[in-house]
């Protein structure tokens, strides 16, 4: 007699390319009832292309031409500082999605022990894929600071008992 294997717990990783956090939570709960200990909202809405939505963080003059940036400043090198980069927005999205998760909890749809995972790319991944190479060494530490600002704000606004964080490394793994 063949029995069908049913996993007790399921870990969702990677993209869940739906319209909103609410759509992800509803779909995941329906598909995997009682099996999820973490429910992400990964890459919903305009975040569906991993790091492409981060292009708006950078001055367009240094964004790779393949992403619609440029032309590069001519002559004297431009020196950029932190104020030239906009906030990443990862914190705003995570905090808003966590609020949606809390609404689902309050309605009794998501159990209280289910955590909210936040997945972030590394600064190397984002900058190496979006910014012209000539500016990598200037921009990468600035973007790293912006990313760490987002991490701190996420940690300050989402209780540790709810939060699970991971660094996404597809670019780094592909580079090996």
N, C-alpha and C. Protein backbone atom coordinates (compact mmCIF):
# COMPACT_ATOMS: atom_id res chain seq x y z
N UNK A 1 0.83 -1.17 0.00
CA UNK A 1 0.00 0.00 0.00
C UNK A 1 0.89 1.26 0.00
N UNK A 2 0.66 2.14 -0.93
CA UNK A 2 1.44 3.37 -1.04
C UNK A 2 0.72 4.47 -0.27
N UNK A 3 1.48 5.11 0.58
CA UNK A 3 0.90 6.23 1.31
C UNK A 3 1.47 7.52 0.75
N UNK A 4 0.66 8.52 0.75
CA UNK A 4 1.08 9.81 0.24
C UNK A 4 1.80 10.57 1.36
N UNK A 5 3.03 11.00 1.06
CA UNK A 5 3.82 11.76 2.03
C UNK A 5 3.25 13.17 2.14
N UNK A 6 3.02 13.61 3.36
CA UNK A 6 2.57 14.97 3.59
C UNK A 6 3.51 15.61 4.62
N UNK A 7 4.25 16.64 4.21
CA UNK A 7 5.17 17.28 5.15
C UNK A 7 4.40 17.92 6.30
N UNK A 8 5.03 17.90 7.47
CA UNK A 8 4.40 18.51 8.64
C UNK A 8 4.51 20.02 8.59
N UNK A 9 5.67 20.50 8.18
CA UNK A 9 5.88 21.94 8.09
C UNK A 9 6.50 22.27 6.74
N UNK A 10 6.18 23.43 6.23
CA UNK A 10 6.68 23.89 4.95
C UNK A 10 7.33 25.26 5.15
N UNK A 11 8.50 25.44 4.56
CA UNK A 11 9.18 26.73 4.60
C UNK A 11 9.14 27.33 3.20
N UNK A 12 8.51 28.47 3.07
CA UNK A 12 8.45 29.17 1.79
C UNK A 12 9.67 30.07 1.66
N UNK A 13 10.40 29.93 0.57
CA UNK A 13 11.55 30.78 0.28
C UNK A 13 11.42 31.30 -1.14
N UNK A 14 12.04 32.42 -1.39
CA UNK A 14 12.01 32.98 -2.73
C UNK A 14 10.78 33.83 -2.96
N UNK A 15 10.46 34.04 -4.20
CA UNK A 15 9.39 34.95 -4.57
C UNK A 15 8.01 34.32 -4.43
N UNK A 16 7.08 35.16 -4.04
CA UNK A 16 5.66 34.83 -4.10
C UNK A 16 5.05 36.00 -4.87
N UNK A 17 5.09 35.93 -6.20
CA UNK A 17 4.76 37.09 -7.02
C UNK A 17 3.26 37.36 -7.17
N UNK A 18 2.63 37.71 -6.06
CA UNK A 18 1.23 38.08 -6.10
C UNK A 18 1.11 39.59 -5.90
N UNK A 19 -0.10 40.09 -5.96
CA UNK A 19 -0.32 41.54 -5.92
C UNK A 19 0.00 42.18 -4.57
N UNK A 20 -0.35 41.49 -3.47
CA UNK A 20 -0.22 42.12 -2.16
C UNK A 20 0.11 41.09 -1.09
N UNK A 21 0.50 41.59 0.08
CA UNK A 21 0.74 40.71 1.22
C UNK A 21 -0.52 39.94 1.57
N UNK A 22 -1.64 40.60 1.52
CA UNK A 22 -2.92 39.94 1.81
C UNK A 22 -3.16 38.76 0.86
N UNK A 23 -2.87 38.97 -0.42
CA UNK A 23 -3.02 37.88 -1.41
C UNK A 23 -2.09 36.71 -1.09
N UNK A 24 -0.85 37.01 -0.70
CA UNK A 24 0.11 35.96 -0.37
C UNK A 24 -0.36 35.19 0.85
N UNK A 25 -0.76 35.91 1.90
CA UNK A 25 -1.19 35.24 3.12
C UNK A 25 -2.40 34.34 2.85
N UNK A 26 -3.38 34.86 2.14
CA UNK A 26 -4.59 34.09 1.83
C UNK A 26 -4.26 32.85 1.01
N UNK A 27 -3.46 33.02 -0.02
CA UNK A 27 -3.10 31.90 -0.91
C UNK A 27 -2.28 30.85 -0.17
N UNK A 28 -1.29 31.29 0.59
CA UNK A 28 -0.43 30.34 1.31
C UNK A 28 -1.21 29.57 2.36
N UNK A 29 -2.06 30.26 3.09
CA UNK A 29 -2.85 29.59 4.13
C UNK A 29 -3.83 28.58 3.53
N UNK A 30 -4.39 28.93 2.40
CA UNK A 30 -5.33 28.03 1.73
C UNK A 30 -4.60 26.80 1.17
N UNK A 31 -3.43 27.01 0.60
CA UNK A 31 -2.68 25.91 -0.03
C UNK A 31 -2.00 25.01 0.99
N UNK A 32 -1.58 25.58 2.12
CA UNK A 32 -0.79 24.82 3.10
C UNK A 32 -1.35 24.99 4.52
N UNK A 33 -2.60 24.62 4.72
CA UNK A 33 -3.22 24.86 6.02
C UNK A 33 -2.49 24.12 7.16
N UNK A 34 -2.18 24.87 8.20
CA UNK A 34 -1.55 24.28 9.38
C UNK A 34 -0.10 23.88 9.22
N UNK A 35 0.51 24.19 8.09
CA UNK A 35 1.88 23.73 7.84
C UNK A 35 2.92 24.85 7.85
N UNK A 36 2.49 26.08 7.91
CA UNK A 36 3.42 27.20 7.80
C UNK A 36 3.77 27.76 9.18
N UNK A 37 5.05 27.91 9.43
CA UNK A 37 5.52 28.56 10.66
C UNK A 37 6.03 29.96 10.38
N UNK A 38 6.20 30.25 9.09
CA UNK A 38 6.59 31.57 8.62
C UNK A 38 5.84 31.82 7.32
N UNK A 39 5.34 33.05 7.18
CA UNK A 39 4.65 33.41 5.93
C UNK A 39 5.24 34.72 5.43
N UNK A 40 5.94 34.67 4.29
CA UNK A 40 6.54 35.89 3.73
C UNK A 40 5.54 36.67 2.89
N UNK A 41 5.90 37.87 2.54
CA UNK A 41 5.14 38.62 1.55
C UNK A 41 6.03 38.89 0.33
N UNK A 42 7.13 38.18 0.25
CA UNK A 42 8.19 38.43 -0.73
C UNK A 42 7.72 38.86 -2.11
N UNK A 43 8.31 39.94 -2.55
CA UNK A 43 8.26 40.40 -3.92
C UNK A 43 6.85 40.53 -4.47
N UNK A 44 6.00 41.18 -3.70
CA UNK A 44 4.65 41.46 -4.17
C UNK A 44 4.63 42.80 -4.90
N UNK A 45 3.60 43.00 -5.69
CA UNK A 45 3.42 44.28 -6.38
C UNK A 45 4.62 44.65 -7.23
N UNK A 46 5.14 45.86 -7.02
CA UNK A 46 6.25 46.35 -7.84
C UNK A 46 7.59 45.75 -7.46
N UNK A 47 7.62 44.87 -6.46
CA UNK A 47 8.86 44.21 -6.04
C UNK A 47 9.06 42.86 -6.73
N UNK A 48 8.27 42.55 -7.74
CA UNK A 48 8.29 41.22 -8.35
C UNK A 48 9.55 40.89 -9.13
N UNK A 49 10.42 41.82 -9.34
CA UNK A 49 11.65 41.53 -10.08
C UNK A 49 12.88 41.66 -9.19
N UNK A 50 12.82 41.06 -8.02
CA UNK A 50 13.90 40.98 -7.06
C UNK A 50 14.45 42.36 -6.68
N UNK A 51 15.44 42.87 -7.39
CA UNK A 51 16.06 44.14 -6.99
C UNK A 51 15.75 45.29 -7.95
N UNK A 52 15.01 45.04 -9.02
CA UNK A 52 14.77 46.09 -10.01
C UNK A 52 14.08 47.31 -9.40
N UNK A 53 13.24 47.10 -8.39
CA UNK A 53 12.54 48.23 -7.79
C UNK A 53 13.47 49.15 -7.02
N UNK A 54 14.71 48.72 -6.78
CA UNK A 54 15.69 49.55 -6.07
C UNK A 54 16.34 50.60 -6.97
N UNK A 55 16.09 50.56 -8.26
CA UNK A 55 16.69 51.53 -9.18
C UNK A 55 16.40 52.97 -8.74
N UNK A 56 15.23 53.20 -8.18
CA UNK A 56 14.83 54.55 -7.77
C UNK A 56 15.66 55.10 -6.61
N UNK A 57 16.41 54.23 -5.94
CA UNK A 57 17.26 54.67 -4.82
C UNK A 57 18.43 55.49 -5.32
N UNK A 58 18.91 55.20 -6.52
CA UNK A 58 20.16 55.76 -7.03
C UNK A 58 19.94 56.93 -7.97
N UNK A 59 20.93 57.85 -8.02
CA UNK A 59 20.88 58.90 -9.04
C UNK A 59 20.89 58.25 -10.43
N UNK A 60 19.99 58.64 -11.30
CA UNK A 60 19.88 58.01 -12.62
C UNK A 60 21.15 58.12 -13.44
N UNK A 61 21.97 59.11 -13.18
CA UNK A 61 23.21 59.29 -13.95
C UNK A 61 24.18 58.13 -13.78
N UNK A 62 24.07 57.38 -12.68
CA UNK A 62 25.00 56.28 -12.45
C UNK A 62 24.35 54.91 -12.56
N UNK A 63 23.05 54.88 -12.85
CA UNK A 63 22.36 53.60 -13.08
C UNK A 63 22.81 53.06 -14.43
N UNK A 64 23.01 51.76 -14.49
CA UNK A 64 23.44 51.14 -15.75
C UNK A 64 22.50 51.50 -16.89
N UNK A 65 23.08 51.72 -18.04
CA UNK A 65 22.29 52.09 -19.21
C UNK A 65 21.28 51.00 -19.57
N UNK A 66 21.61 49.75 -19.27
CA UNK A 66 20.67 48.65 -19.55
C UNK A 66 19.40 48.76 -18.70
N UNK A 67 19.44 49.54 -17.63
CA UNK A 67 18.28 49.80 -16.77
C UNK A 67 17.67 51.18 -17.07
N UNK A 68 18.16 51.85 -18.09
CA UNK A 68 17.62 53.16 -18.44
C UNK A 68 18.37 54.33 -17.86
N UNK A 69 19.52 54.09 -17.27
CA UNK A 69 20.30 55.15 -16.65
C UNK A 69 21.25 55.81 -17.62
N UNK A 70 22.08 56.69 -17.05
CA UNK A 70 23.11 57.35 -17.84
C UNK A 70 22.57 58.59 -18.51
N UNK A 71 23.36 59.28 -19.29
CA UNK A 71 24.77 58.98 -19.52
C UNK A 71 25.60 59.33 -18.28
N UNK A 72 26.74 58.65 -18.20
CA UNK A 72 27.64 58.88 -17.07
C UNK A 72 28.15 60.32 -17.10
N UNK A 73 28.36 60.89 -15.91
CA UNK A 73 28.96 62.23 -15.87
C UNK A 73 30.30 62.23 -16.60
N UNK A 74 30.55 63.27 -17.39
CA UNK A 74 31.78 63.38 -18.18
C UNK A 74 32.79 64.24 -17.44
N UNK A 75 34.07 63.88 -17.60
CA UNK A 75 35.13 64.68 -17.01
C UNK A 75 35.40 64.29 -15.57
N UNK A 76 35.41 65.27 -14.69
CA UNK A 76 35.73 65.07 -13.28
C UNK A 76 34.74 64.08 -12.64
N UNK A 77 35.29 63.12 -11.90
CA UNK A 77 34.45 62.14 -11.22
C UNK A 77 33.54 62.82 -10.20
N UNK A 78 32.31 62.38 -10.15
CA UNK A 78 31.35 62.92 -9.19
C UNK A 78 31.48 62.14 -7.89
N UNK A 79 31.54 62.85 -6.80
CA UNK A 79 31.63 62.20 -5.49
C UNK A 79 30.23 62.19 -4.87
N UNK A 80 29.73 61.04 -4.55
CA UNK A 80 28.40 60.90 -3.98
C UNK A 80 28.50 60.67 -2.48
N UNK A 81 27.42 61.06 -1.77
CA UNK A 81 27.35 60.78 -0.34
C UNK A 81 25.97 60.20 -0.03
N UNK A 82 25.75 59.86 1.22
CA UNK A 82 24.53 59.16 1.62
C UNK A 82 23.27 59.91 1.22
N UNK A 83 23.30 61.22 1.29
CA UNK A 83 22.10 61.99 0.94
C UNK A 83 21.73 61.88 -0.54
N UNK A 84 22.64 61.39 -1.37
CA UNK A 84 22.35 61.21 -2.80
C UNK A 84 21.55 59.94 -3.07
N UNK A 85 21.49 59.05 -2.10
CA UNK A 85 20.72 57.82 -2.23
C UNK A 85 19.45 57.92 -1.41
N UNK A 86 18.34 57.55 -2.02
CA UNK A 86 17.06 57.55 -1.30
C UNK A 86 17.01 56.33 -0.38
N UNK A 87 16.14 56.33 0.62
CA UNK A 87 15.96 55.14 1.45
C UNK A 87 15.52 53.95 0.59
N UNK A 88 15.87 52.75 1.04
CA UNK A 88 15.58 51.55 0.24
C UNK A 88 14.09 51.22 0.16
N UNK A 89 13.34 51.54 1.19
CA UNK A 89 11.92 51.21 1.19
C UNK A 89 11.61 49.82 1.72
N UNK A 90 12.64 49.01 1.92
CA UNK A 90 12.40 47.66 2.45
C UNK A 90 11.70 47.72 3.81
N UNK A 91 12.09 48.68 4.63
CA UNK A 91 11.49 48.81 5.95
C UNK A 91 10.01 49.19 5.86
N UNK A 92 9.68 50.16 5.01
CA UNK A 92 8.27 50.56 4.85
C UNK A 92 7.41 49.38 4.44
N UNK A 93 7.90 48.61 3.47
CA UNK A 93 7.14 47.46 2.97
C UNK A 93 6.99 46.38 4.04
N UNK A 94 8.07 46.09 4.76
CA UNK A 94 8.02 45.05 5.79
C UNK A 94 7.06 45.44 6.91
N UNK A 95 7.14 46.69 7.35
CA UNK A 95 6.28 47.14 8.44
C UNK A 95 4.81 47.10 8.02
N UNK A 96 4.52 47.53 6.81
CA UNK A 96 3.14 47.49 6.32
C UNK A 96 2.64 46.05 6.18
N UNK A 97 3.48 45.17 5.65
CA UNK A 97 3.07 43.77 5.49
C UNK A 97 2.89 43.09 6.83
N UNK A 98 3.74 43.44 7.80
CA UNK A 98 3.59 42.87 9.14
C UNK A 98 2.27 43.32 9.75
N UNK A 99 1.87 44.55 9.51
CA UNK A 99 0.58 45.03 10.01
C UNK A 99 -0.56 44.21 9.41
N UNK A 100 -0.43 43.85 8.13
CA UNK A 100 -1.44 42.99 7.49
C UNK A 100 -1.46 41.62 8.14
N UNK A 101 -0.27 41.07 8.43
CA UNK A 101 -0.18 39.79 9.12
C UNK A 101 -0.89 39.88 10.47
N UNK A 102 -0.69 40.96 11.19
CA UNK A 102 -1.34 41.16 12.49
C UNK A 102 -2.87 41.23 12.34
N UNK A 103 -3.33 41.86 11.25
CA UNK A 103 -4.78 41.89 10.99
C UNK A 103 -5.32 40.48 10.79
N UNK A 104 -4.58 39.65 10.05
CA UNK A 104 -4.98 38.26 9.83
C UNK A 104 -5.00 37.50 11.16
N UNK A 105 -4.03 37.77 12.00
CA UNK A 105 -4.00 37.15 13.34
C UNK A 105 -5.22 37.54 14.16
N UNK A 106 -5.51 38.84 14.16
CA UNK A 106 -6.64 39.34 14.94
C UNK A 106 -7.96 38.71 14.48
N UNK A 107 -8.04 38.40 13.19
CA UNK A 107 -9.23 37.75 12.64
C UNK A 107 -9.23 36.25 12.88
N UNK A 108 -8.12 35.72 13.46
CA UNK A 108 -8.03 34.29 13.73
C UNK A 108 -7.60 33.46 12.54
N UNK A 109 -7.14 34.12 11.48
CA UNK A 109 -6.74 33.41 10.26
C UNK A 109 -5.32 32.89 10.32
N UNK A 110 -4.43 33.64 10.96
CA UNK A 110 -3.03 33.25 11.11
C UNK A 110 -2.77 32.99 12.59
N UNK A 111 -2.24 31.81 12.93
CA UNK A 111 -1.94 31.51 14.34
C UNK A 111 -0.89 32.47 14.92
N UNK A 112 -0.92 32.65 16.22
CA UNK A 112 -0.04 33.61 16.89
C UNK A 112 1.43 33.22 16.84
N UNK A 113 1.74 31.92 16.60
CA UNK A 113 3.14 31.50 16.58
C UNK A 113 3.78 31.57 15.19
N UNK A 114 3.04 32.01 14.19
CA UNK A 114 3.58 32.13 12.84
C UNK A 114 4.38 33.42 12.74
N UNK A 115 5.60 33.31 12.27
CA UNK A 115 6.50 34.46 12.18
C UNK A 115 6.45 35.09 10.79
N UNK A 116 6.97 36.31 10.73
CA UNK A 116 7.01 37.07 9.49
C UNK A 116 8.46 37.17 9.02
N UNK A 117 8.82 36.44 7.95
CA UNK A 117 10.19 36.53 7.44
C UNK A 117 10.38 37.72 6.50
N UNK A 118 11.50 38.39 6.68
CA UNK A 118 11.89 39.49 5.81
C UNK A 118 13.18 39.06 5.12
N UNK A 119 13.15 39.05 3.80
CA UNK A 119 14.32 38.67 3.01
C UNK A 119 14.87 39.91 2.32
N UNK A 120 16.17 40.09 2.46
CA UNK A 120 16.82 41.26 1.88
C UNK A 120 18.00 40.85 1.02
N UNK A 121 18.24 41.57 -0.07
CA UNK A 121 19.45 41.32 -0.85
C UNK A 121 20.63 41.98 -0.16
N UNK A 122 21.81 41.60 -0.53
CA UNK A 122 23.00 42.27 0.00
C UNK A 122 23.24 43.56 -0.80
N UNK A 123 24.01 44.45 -0.22
CA UNK A 123 24.35 45.67 -0.93
C UNK A 123 25.16 45.36 -2.19
N UNK A 124 26.01 44.34 -2.10
CA UNK A 124 26.81 43.96 -3.27
C UNK A 124 25.89 43.54 -4.42
N UNK A 125 24.89 42.76 -4.13
CA UNK A 125 23.99 42.28 -5.19
C UNK A 125 23.28 43.44 -5.86
N UNK A 126 22.72 44.33 -5.07
CA UNK A 126 21.96 45.43 -5.65
C UNK A 126 22.86 46.37 -6.44
N UNK A 127 23.94 46.81 -5.84
CA UNK A 127 24.79 47.81 -6.50
C UNK A 127 25.49 47.21 -7.72
N UNK A 128 25.96 45.98 -7.63
CA UNK A 128 26.68 45.39 -8.77
C UNK A 128 25.76 45.17 -9.97
N UNK A 129 24.47 45.06 -9.75
CA UNK A 129 23.54 44.81 -10.85
C UNK A 129 22.84 46.07 -11.35
N UNK A 130 22.93 47.17 -10.61
CA UNK A 130 22.18 48.36 -11.01
C UNK A 130 23.03 49.57 -11.35
N UNK A 131 24.20 49.68 -10.74
CA UNK A 131 25.04 50.88 -10.88
C UNK A 131 26.21 50.59 -11.82
N UNK A 132 26.57 51.59 -12.62
CA UNK A 132 27.72 51.45 -13.50
C UNK A 132 28.96 51.09 -12.69
N UNK A 133 29.77 50.20 -13.24
CA UNK A 133 30.93 49.67 -12.52
C UNK A 133 31.87 50.75 -11.97
N UNK A 134 32.02 51.84 -12.71
CA UNK A 134 32.91 52.91 -12.29
C UNK A 134 32.53 53.50 -10.92
N UNK A 135 31.29 53.31 -10.51
CA UNK A 135 30.80 53.91 -9.27
C UNK A 135 30.58 52.89 -8.16
N UNK A 136 30.87 51.63 -8.42
CA UNK A 136 30.61 50.59 -7.42
C UNK A 136 31.28 50.90 -6.08
N UNK A 137 32.56 51.19 -6.08
CA UNK A 137 33.30 51.38 -4.83
C UNK A 137 32.83 52.61 -4.04
N UNK A 138 32.26 53.57 -4.72
CA UNK A 138 31.73 54.75 -4.04
C UNK A 138 30.33 54.47 -3.50
N UNK A 139 29.50 53.83 -4.31
CA UNK A 139 28.08 53.68 -4.00
C UNK A 139 27.78 52.50 -3.08
N UNK A 140 28.53 51.41 -3.19
CA UNK A 140 28.20 50.22 -2.40
C UNK A 140 28.20 50.48 -0.89
N UNK A 141 29.19 51.15 -0.31
CA UNK A 141 29.11 51.40 1.13
C UNK A 141 27.95 52.33 1.52
N UNK A 142 27.59 53.24 0.63
CA UNK A 142 26.46 54.13 0.90
C UNK A 142 25.15 53.35 0.88
N UNK A 143 25.01 52.48 -0.11
CA UNK A 143 23.80 51.66 -0.18
C UNK A 143 23.75 50.70 1.01
N UNK A 144 24.89 50.17 1.40
CA UNK A 144 24.93 49.30 2.58
C UNK A 144 24.40 50.04 3.80
N UNK A 145 24.79 51.28 3.97
CA UNK A 145 24.29 52.07 5.10
C UNK A 145 22.78 52.27 5.00
N UNK A 146 22.28 52.55 3.81
CA UNK A 146 20.83 52.69 3.62
C UNK A 146 20.12 51.37 3.95
N UNK A 147 20.70 50.27 3.52
CA UNK A 147 20.11 48.95 3.79
C UNK A 147 20.11 48.67 5.29
N UNK A 148 21.20 48.99 5.97
CA UNK A 148 21.26 48.79 7.42
C UNK A 148 20.30 49.71 8.17
N UNK A 149 20.06 50.89 7.65
CA UNK A 149 19.03 51.75 8.23
C UNK A 149 17.66 51.07 8.15
N UNK A 150 17.40 50.44 7.02
CA UNK A 150 16.14 49.71 6.86
C UNK A 150 16.05 48.55 7.84
N UNK A 151 17.14 47.81 7.99
CA UNK A 151 17.16 46.68 8.92
C UNK A 151 16.87 47.16 10.34
N UNK A 152 17.52 48.24 10.75
CA UNK A 152 17.30 48.76 12.11
C UNK A 152 15.85 49.18 12.31
N UNK A 153 15.27 49.81 11.32
CA UNK A 153 13.88 50.25 11.45
C UNK A 153 12.94 49.04 11.49
N UNK A 154 13.22 48.02 10.70
CA UNK A 154 12.42 46.79 10.75
C UNK A 154 12.50 46.19 12.16
N UNK A 155 13.71 46.08 12.69
CA UNK A 155 13.89 45.51 14.02
C UNK A 155 13.23 46.36 15.10
N UNK A 156 13.20 47.67 14.91
CA UNK A 156 12.57 48.55 15.90
C UNK A 156 11.04 48.50 15.85
N UNK A 157 10.48 48.07 14.72
CA UNK A 157 9.03 48.13 14.54
C UNK A 157 8.31 46.79 14.49
N UNK A 158 9.05 45.72 14.31
CA UNK A 158 8.43 44.39 14.30
C UNK A 158 9.01 43.61 15.48
N UNK A 159 8.16 43.12 16.38
CA UNK A 159 8.68 42.40 17.54
C UNK A 159 9.56 41.22 17.15
N UNK A 160 10.62 41.02 17.89
CA UNK A 160 11.55 39.92 17.61
C UNK A 160 10.83 38.57 17.59
N UNK A 161 9.80 38.42 18.40
CA UNK A 161 9.06 37.15 18.44
C UNK A 161 8.28 36.90 17.15
N UNK A 162 8.06 37.94 16.37
CA UNK A 162 7.36 37.81 15.08
C UNK A 162 8.31 37.75 13.90
N UNK A 163 9.52 38.26 14.08
CA UNK A 163 10.41 38.52 12.96
C UNK A 163 11.40 37.38 12.70
N UNK A 164 11.60 37.12 11.43
CA UNK A 164 12.62 36.20 10.96
C UNK A 164 13.28 36.90 9.78
N UNK A 165 14.60 37.04 9.79
CA UNK A 165 15.28 37.75 8.71
C UNK A 165 16.28 36.85 8.01
N UNK A 166 16.42 37.07 6.71
CA UNK A 166 17.43 36.33 5.95
C UNK A 166 17.99 37.23 4.86
N UNK A 167 19.23 36.96 4.51
CA UNK A 167 19.86 37.64 3.39
C UNK A 167 19.71 36.74 2.17
N UNK A 168 19.18 37.29 1.09
CA UNK A 168 19.06 36.55 -0.17
C UNK A 168 20.40 36.66 -0.91
N UNK A 169 20.91 35.54 -1.38
CA UNK A 169 22.24 35.52 -1.98
C UNK A 169 22.29 34.94 -3.40
N UNK A 170 21.29 35.12 -4.24
CA UNK A 170 21.37 34.49 -5.56
C UNK A 170 22.51 35.02 -6.42
N UNK A 171 22.77 36.30 -6.35
CA UNK A 171 23.85 36.90 -7.15
C UNK A 171 25.19 36.39 -6.65
N UNK A 172 25.35 36.33 -5.33
CA UNK A 172 26.61 35.88 -4.74
C UNK A 172 26.87 34.41 -5.05
N UNK A 173 25.84 33.58 -4.95
CA UNK A 173 26.00 32.15 -5.26
C UNK A 173 26.32 31.96 -6.73
N UNK A 174 25.67 32.71 -7.59
CA UNK A 174 25.93 32.61 -9.02
C UNK A 174 27.35 33.06 -9.37
N UNK A 175 27.92 33.91 -8.53
CA UNK A 175 29.28 34.42 -8.79
C UNK A 175 30.37 33.43 -8.41
N UNK A 176 30.01 32.39 -7.66
CA UNK A 176 31.03 31.42 -7.21
C UNK A 176 31.58 30.60 -8.33
